[in-house]
């Protein structure tokens, strides 16, 4: 995985730090994180991360990359907060278009990063066949929606994105979309 360089650099700072956020939870989504009512594309991004975080090959990667693990947990939490905020603004809406314009550019940038993290981790191999198929299906569905002109415009508007996720973005490249 390309993230290996990220691991070496980040782990040099805190190779065996039990205080990093990922030390307390082995998955990619914090336990009890509420995102059920989030707009569908946020829900799909978080559910992919949740499923991937249960896979032994992904857990092995996370154990070797505690800083990346902590950043992914923080990213999941930030996305869930954004989804909850948008749902509260327009609770009856259920379409992609109804919700997308309510997200800030930085929030869209973060969802974009989460989708790319899921794509890269899913491409690393060692996944249960059912989980791999689910992730591929959700990625294709998301690719159909999140690669719109508005999405790209907002990601560009966010620039380098929130500072706390720039290292993560630098090592999880944009995946090549394959719409369904």
C-alpha atoms as a PDB file:
ATOM      1  CA  UNK A   1       0.000   0.000   0.000  1.00  0.00           C
ATOM      2  CA  UNK A   2       1.146   3.536  -0.661  1.00  0.00           C
ATOM      3  CA  UNK A   3       0.328   4.320   2.969  1.00  0.00           C
ATOM      4  CA  UNK A   4       3.479   2.475   4.049  1.00  0.00           C
ATOM      5  CA  UNK A   5       5.516   5.705   3.799  1.00  0.00           C
ATOM      6  CA  UNK A   6       2.950   7.386   5.991  1.00  0.00           C
ATOM      7  CA  UNK A   7       3.304   4.583   8.507  1.00  0.00           C
ATOM      8  CA  UNK A   8       7.074   4.878   8.727  1.00  0.00           C
ATOM      9  CA  UNK A   9       7.013   8.650   9.118  1.00  0.00           C
ATOM     10  CA  UNK A  10       4.143   8.762  11.584  1.00  0.00           C
ATOM     11  CA  UNK A  11       5.314   5.761  13.575  1.00  0.00           C
ATOM     12  CA  UNK A  12       8.739   7.330  14.001  1.00  0.00           C
ATOM     13  CA  UNK A  13       6.986   9.944  16.137  1.00  0.00           C
ATOM     14  CA  UNK A  14       5.091   7.516  18.332  1.00  0.00           C
ATOM     15  CA  UNK A  15       5.854   3.919  17.499  1.00  0.00           C
ATOM     16  CA  UNK A  16       4.520   2.373  20.684  1.00  0.00           C
ATOM     17  CA  UNK A  17       2.296   5.094  22.049  1.00  0.00           C
ATOM     18  CA  UNK A  18      -0.660   3.513  23.836  1.00  0.00           C
ATOM     19  CA  UNK A  19      -2.236   6.962  24.161  1.00  0.00           C
ATOM     20  CA  UNK A  20      -3.024   7.345  20.463  1.00  0.00           C
ATOM     21  CA  UNK A  21      -6.782   7.382  19.688  1.00  0.00           C
ATOM     22  CA  UNK A  22      -6.675   4.036  17.875  1.00  0.00           C
ATOM     23  CA  UNK A  23      -5.171   2.180  20.859  1.00  0.00           C
ATOM     24  CA  UNK A  24      -8.565   1.916  22.521  1.00  0.00           C
ATOM     25  CA  UNK A  25     -10.528   0.637  19.507  1.00  0.00           C
ATOM     26  CA  UNK A  26      -9.262  -1.677  16.794  1.00  0.00           C
ATOM     27  CA  UNK A  27     -11.751  -0.614  14.087  1.00  0.00           C
ATOM     28  CA  UNK A  28     -12.084   2.372  11.766  1.00  0.00           C
ATOM     29  CA  UNK A  29     -15.272   3.828  13.291  1.00  0.00           C
ATOM     30  CA  UNK A  30     -15.468   4.576  17.024  1.00  0.00           C
ATOM     31  CA  UNK A  31     -17.864   2.276  18.897  1.00  0.00           C
ATOM     32  CA  UNK A  32     -21.299   3.789  19.363  1.00  0.00           C
ATOM     33  CA  UNK A  33     -20.776   6.435  16.668  1.00  0.00           C
ATOM     34  CA  UNK A  34     -24.213   7.526  15.507  1.00  0.00           C
ATOM     35  CA  UNK A  35     -24.644   7.921  11.771  1.00  0.00           C
ATOM     36  CA  UNK A  36     -27.816   5.974  10.986  1.00  0.00           C
ATOM     37  CA  UNK A  37     -29.744   9.151  10.132  1.00  0.00           C
ATOM     38  CA  UNK A  38     -26.932  10.726   8.128  1.00  0.00           C
ATOM     39  CA  UNK A  39     -27.462  11.287   4.399  1.00  0.00           C
ATOM     40  CA  UNK A  40     -26.976   8.076   2.431  1.00  0.00           C
ATOM     41  CA  UNK A  41     -23.547   8.902   0.987  1.00  0.00           C
ATOM     42  CA  UNK A  42     -22.213   9.671   4.490  1.00  0.00           C
ATOM     43  CA  UNK A  43     -23.836   6.525   5.854  1.00  0.00           C
ATOM     44  CA  UNK A  44     -22.335   4.423   3.053  1.00  0.00           C
ATOM     45  CA  UNK A  45     -18.841   5.859   3.563  1.00  0.00           C
ATOM     46  CA  UNK A  46     -18.976   5.180   7.307  1.00  0.00           C
ATOM     47  CA  UNK A  47     -20.522   1.732   6.958  1.00  0.00           C
ATOM     48  CA  UNK A  48     -17.732   0.749   4.531  1.00  0.00           C
ATOM     49  CA  UNK A  49     -15.121   1.907   7.036  1.00  0.00           C
ATOM     50  CA  UNK A  50     -16.963   0.083   9.814  1.00  0.00           C
ATOM     51  CA  UNK A  51     -16.993  -3.208   7.899  1.00  0.00           C
ATOM     52  CA  UNK A  52     -13.389  -2.835   6.773  1.00  0.00           C
ATOM     53  CA  UNK A  53     -12.299  -2.157  10.343  1.00  0.00           C
ATOM     54  CA  UNK A  54     -13.512  -5.600  11.357  1.00  0.00           C
ATOM     55  CA  UNK A  55     -11.287  -7.373   8.837  1.00  0.00           C
ATOM     56  CA  UNK A  56      -8.094  -9.029  10.168  1.00  0.00           C
ATOM     57  CA  UNK A  57      -5.924  -7.676   7.325  1.00  0.00           C
ATOM     58  CA  UNK A  58      -7.096  -4.109   7.977  1.00  0.00           C
ATOM     59  CA  UNK A  59      -6.650  -4.505  11.735  1.00  0.00           C
ATOM     60  CA  UNK A  60      -3.114  -5.714  11.135  1.00  0.00           C
ATOM     61  CA  UNK A  61      -2.433  -2.580   9.087  1.00  0.00           C
ATOM     62  CA  UNK A  62      -3.978  -0.375  11.789  1.00  0.00           C
ATOM     63  CA  UNK A  63      -1.838  -1.976  14.483  1.00  0.00           C
ATOM     64  CA  UNK A  64       1.265  -1.119  12.484  1.00  0.00           C
ATOM     65  CA  UNK A  65       0.048   2.427  11.741  1.00  0.00           C
ATOM     66  CA  UNK A  66      -1.272   3.927  15.004  1.00  0.00           C
ATOM     67  CA  UNK A  67      -1.179   7.544  13.810  1.00  0.00           C
ATOM     68  CA  UNK A  68      -3.094   6.718  10.637  1.00  0.00           C
ATOM     69  CA  UNK A  69      -5.530   4.696  12.728  1.00  0.00           C
ATOM     70  CA  UNK A  70      -6.145   7.620  15.070  1.00  0.00           C
ATOM     71  CA  UNK A  71      -6.607   9.979  12.122  1.00  0.00           C
ATOM     72  CA  UNK A  72      -9.141   7.635  10.489  1.00  0.00           C
ATOM     73  CA  UNK A  73     -11.109   7.397  13.754  1.00  0.00           C
ATOM     74  CA  UNK A  74     -11.129  11.203  14.008  1.00  0.00           C
ATOM     75  CA  UNK A  75     -12.192  11.442  10.357  1.00  0.00           C
ATOM     76  CA  UNK A  76     -15.086   9.025  10.952  1.00  0.00           C
ATOM     77  CA  UNK A  77     -16.249  11.082  13.924  1.00  0.00           C
ATOM     78  CA  UNK A  78     -16.029  14.365  12.006  1.00  0.00           C
ATOM     79  CA  UNK A  79     -18.014  12.945   9.085  1.00  0.00           C
ATOM     80  CA  UNK A  80     -20.690  11.559  11.402  1.00  0.00           C
ATOM     81  CA  UNK A  81     -21.031  14.995  13.067  1.00  0.00           C
ATOM     82  CA  UNK A  82     -21.385  16.639   9.652  1.00  0.00           C
ATOM     83  CA  UNK A  83     -24.021  14.098   8.591  1.00  0.00           C
ATOM     84  CA  UNK A  84     -25.962  14.613  11.806  1.00  0.00           C
ATOM     85  CA  UNK A  85     -25.801  18.392  11.379  1.00  0.00           C
ATOM     86  CA  UNK A  86     -27.089  18.209   7.801  1.00  0.00           C
ATOM     87  CA  UNK A  87     -29.835  15.739   8.714  1.00  0.00           C
ATOM     88  CA  UNK A  88     -31.034  18.120  11.447  1.00  0.00           C
ATOM     89  CA  UNK A  89     -31.213  20.957   8.912  1.00  0.00           C
ATOM     90  CA  UNK A  90     -33.366  18.973   6.482  1.00  0.00           C
ATOM     91  CA  UNK A  91     -34.695  15.846   8.200  1.00  0.00           C
ATOM     92  CA  UNK A  92     -37.299  14.986   5.548  1.00  0.00           C
ATOM     93  CA  UNK A  93     -34.882  15.081   2.642  1.00  0.00           C
ATOM     94  CA  UNK A  94     -33.635  11.791   1.329  1.00  0.00           C
ATOM     95  CA  UNK A  95     -31.940  12.542  -1.960  1.00  0.00           C
ATOM     96  CA  UNK A  96     -28.284  13.146  -2.637  1.00  0.00           C
ATOM     97  CA  UNK A  97     -28.982  16.550  -4.196  1.00  0.00           C
ATOM     98  CA  UNK A  98     -31.133  17.709  -1.267  1.00  0.00           C
ATOM     99  CA  UNK A  99     -28.318  17.103   1.176  1.00  0.00           C
ATOM    100  CA  UNK A 100     -25.129  17.813  -0.740  1.00  0.00           C
ATOM    101  CA  UNK A 101     -25.529  21.579  -0.876  1.00  0.00           C
ATOM    102  CA  UNK A 102     -25.899  21.706   2.919  1.00  0.00           C
ATOM    103  CA  UNK A 103     -22.384  20.364   3.523  1.00  0.00           C
ATOM    104  CA  UNK A 104     -19.443  22.739   3.800  1.00  0.00           C
ATOM    105  CA  UNK A 105     -16.563  22.303   1.346  1.00  0.00           C
ATOM    106  CA  UNK A 106     -14.410  20.944   4.197  1.00  0.00           C
ATOM    107  CA  UNK A 107     -17.056  18.358   5.094  1.00  0.00           C
ATOM    108  CA  UNK A 108     -17.299  17.174   1.493  1.00  0.00           C
ATOM    109  CA  UNK A 109     -13.488  17.021   1.386  1.00  0.00           C
ATOM    110  CA  UNK A 110     -13.542  14.781   4.480  1.00  0.00           C
ATOM    111  CA  UNK A 111     -16.166  12.421   3.005  1.00  0.00           C
ATOM    112  CA  UNK A 112     -14.097  12.304  -0.179  1.00  0.00           C
ATOM    113  CA  UNK A 113     -11.052  11.299   1.877  1.00  0.00           C
ATOM    114  CA  UNK A 114     -13.032   8.614   3.741  1.00  0.00           C
ATOM    115  CA  UNK A 115     -14.148   7.105   0.432  1.00  0.00           C
ATOM    116  CA  UNK A 116     -10.534   7.039  -0.760  1.00  0.00           C
ATOM    117  CA  UNK A 117      -9.361   5.444   2.507  1.00  0.00           C
ATOM    118  CA  UNK A 118     -12.004   2.724   2.080  1.00  0.00           C
ATOM    119  CA  UNK A 119     -11.011   2.170  -1.562  1.00  0.00           C
ATOM    120  CA  UNK A 120      -7.342   1.802  -0.706  1.00  0.00           C
ATOM    121  CA  UNK A 121      -7.903  -0.501   2.258  1.00  0.00           C
ATOM    122  CA  UNK A 122     -10.291  -2.632   0.202  1.00  0.00           C
ATOM    123  CA  UNK A 123      -7.673  -2.921  -2.520  1.00  0.00           C
ATOM    124  CA  UNK A 124      -5.058  -4.198  -0.095  1.00  0.00           C
ATOM    125  CA  UNK A 125      -6.349  -7.766  -0.178  1.00  0.00           C
ATOM    126  CA  UNK A 126      -7.055 -10.235   2.578  1.00  0.00           C
ATOM    127  CA  UNK A 127     -10.725  -9.297   2.955  1.00  0.00           C
ATOM    128  CA  UNK A 128     -13.629 -11.624   3.481  1.00  0.00           C
ATOM    129  CA  UNK A 129     -15.295 -12.121   0.065  1.00  0.00           C
ATOM    130  CA  UNK A 130     -18.660 -10.765   1.271  1.00  0.00           C
ATOM    131  CA  UNK A 131     -17.106  -7.626   2.749  1.00  0.00           C
ATOM    132  CA  UNK A 132     -15.006  -7.047  -0.375  1.00  0.00           C
ATOM    133  CA  UNK A 133     -18.097  -7.338  -2.601  1.00  0.00           C
ATOM    134  CA  UNK A 134     -20.081  -4.972  -0.339  1.00  0.00           C
ATOM    135  CA  UNK A 135     -17.313  -2.368  -0.384  1.00  0.00           C
ATOM    136  CA  UNK A 136     -16.899  -2.585  -4.163  1.00  0.00           C
ATOM    137  CA  UNK A 137     -20.674  -2.231  -4.625  1.00  0.00           C
ATOM    138  CA  UNK A 138     -20.854   0.800  -2.291  1.00  0.00           C
ATOM    139  CA  UNK A 139     -17.806   2.400  -3.914  1.00  0.00           C
ATOM    140  CA  UNK A 140     -19.399   2.067  -7.343  1.00  0.00           C
ATOM    141  CA  UNK A 141     -22.645   3.509  -6.058  1.00  0.00           C
ATOM    142  CA  UNK A 142     -20.833   6.403  -4.385  1.00  0.00           C
ATOM    143  CA  UNK A 143     -18.719   7.012  -7.496  1.00  0.00           C
ATOM    144  CA  UNK A 144     -21.919   7.515  -9.441  1.00  0.00           C
ATOM    145  CA  UNK A 145     -22.942  10.343  -7.115  1.00  0.00           C
ATOM    146  CA  UNK A 146     -19.910  11.957  -5.552  1.00  0.00           C
ATOM    147  CA  UNK A 147     -18.002  12.706  -8.707  1.00  0.00           C
ATOM    148  CA  UNK A 148     -20.417  15.390  -9.828  1.00  0.00           C
ATOM    149  CA  UNK A 149     -19.341  18.870 -10.829  1.00  0.00           C
ATOM    150  CA  UNK A 150     -20.613  20.290  -7.531  1.00  0.00           C
ATOM    151  CA  UNK A 151     -18.703  17.671  -5.516  1.00  0.00           C
ATOM    152  CA  UNK A 152     -15.425  18.409  -7.312  1.00  0.00           C
ATOM    153  CA  UNK A 153     -15.969  22.150  -7.047  1.00  0.00           C
ATOM    154  CA  UNK A 154     -16.473  21.903  -3.282  1.00  0.00           C
ATOM    155  CA  UNK A 155     -13.441  19.628  -2.812  1.00  0.00           C
ATOM    156  CA  UNK A 156     -11.322  22.146  -4.757  1.00  0.00           C
ATOM    157  CA  UNK A 157     -12.795  24.978  -2.696  1.00  0.00           C
ATOM    158  CA  UNK A 158     -11.691  23.176   0.494  1.00  0.00           C
ATOM    159  CA  UNK A 159      -8.114  23.247  -0.799  1.00  0.00           C
ATOM    160  CA  UNK A 160      -5.839  21.106   1.359  1.00  0.00           C
ATOM    161  CA  UNK A 161      -8.752  20.366   3.691  1.00  0.00           C
ATOM    162  CA  UNK A 162      -8.762  20.449   7.490  1.00  0.00           C
ATOM    163  CA  UNK A 163      -5.226  20.528   8.907  1.00  0.00           C
ATOM    164  CA  UNK A 164      -5.712  17.454  11.090  1.00  0.00           C
ATOM    165  CA  UNK A 165      -6.333  15.259   8.018  1.00  0.00           C
ATOM    166  CA  UNK A 166      -3.697  16.558   5.588  1.00  0.00           C
ATOM    167  CA  UNK A 167      -1.132  13.867   6.433  1.00  0.00           C
ATOM    168  CA  UNK A 168      -3.777  11.217   5.949  1.00  0.00           C
ATOM    169  CA  UNK A 169      -4.773  12.699   2.563  1.00  0.00           C
ATOM    170  CA  UNK A 170      -1.145  12.845   1.479  1.00  0.00           C
ATOM    171  CA  UNK A 171      -0.887   9.074   1.801  1.00  0.00           C
ATOM    172  CA  UNK A 172      -4.313   7.918   0.693  1.00  0.00           C
ATOM    173  CA  UNK A 173      -4.590   8.960  -2.961  1.00  0.00           C
ATOM    174  CA  UNK A 174      -7.812   9.626  -4.811  1.00  0.00           C
ATOM    175  CA  UNK A 175      -9.158   6.363  -6.159  1.00  0.00           C
ATOM    176  CA  UNK A 176     -10.126   5.986  -9.779  1.00  0.00           C
ATOM    177  CA  UNK A 177     -13.943   6.081  -9.954  1.00  0.00           C
ATOM    178  CA  UNK A 178     -15.790   3.091 -11.410  1.00  0.00           C
ATOM    179  CA  UNK A 179     -19.496   4.058 -11.374  1.00  0.00           C
ATOM    180  CA  UNK A 180     -22.051   1.254 -11.365  1.00  0.00           C
END
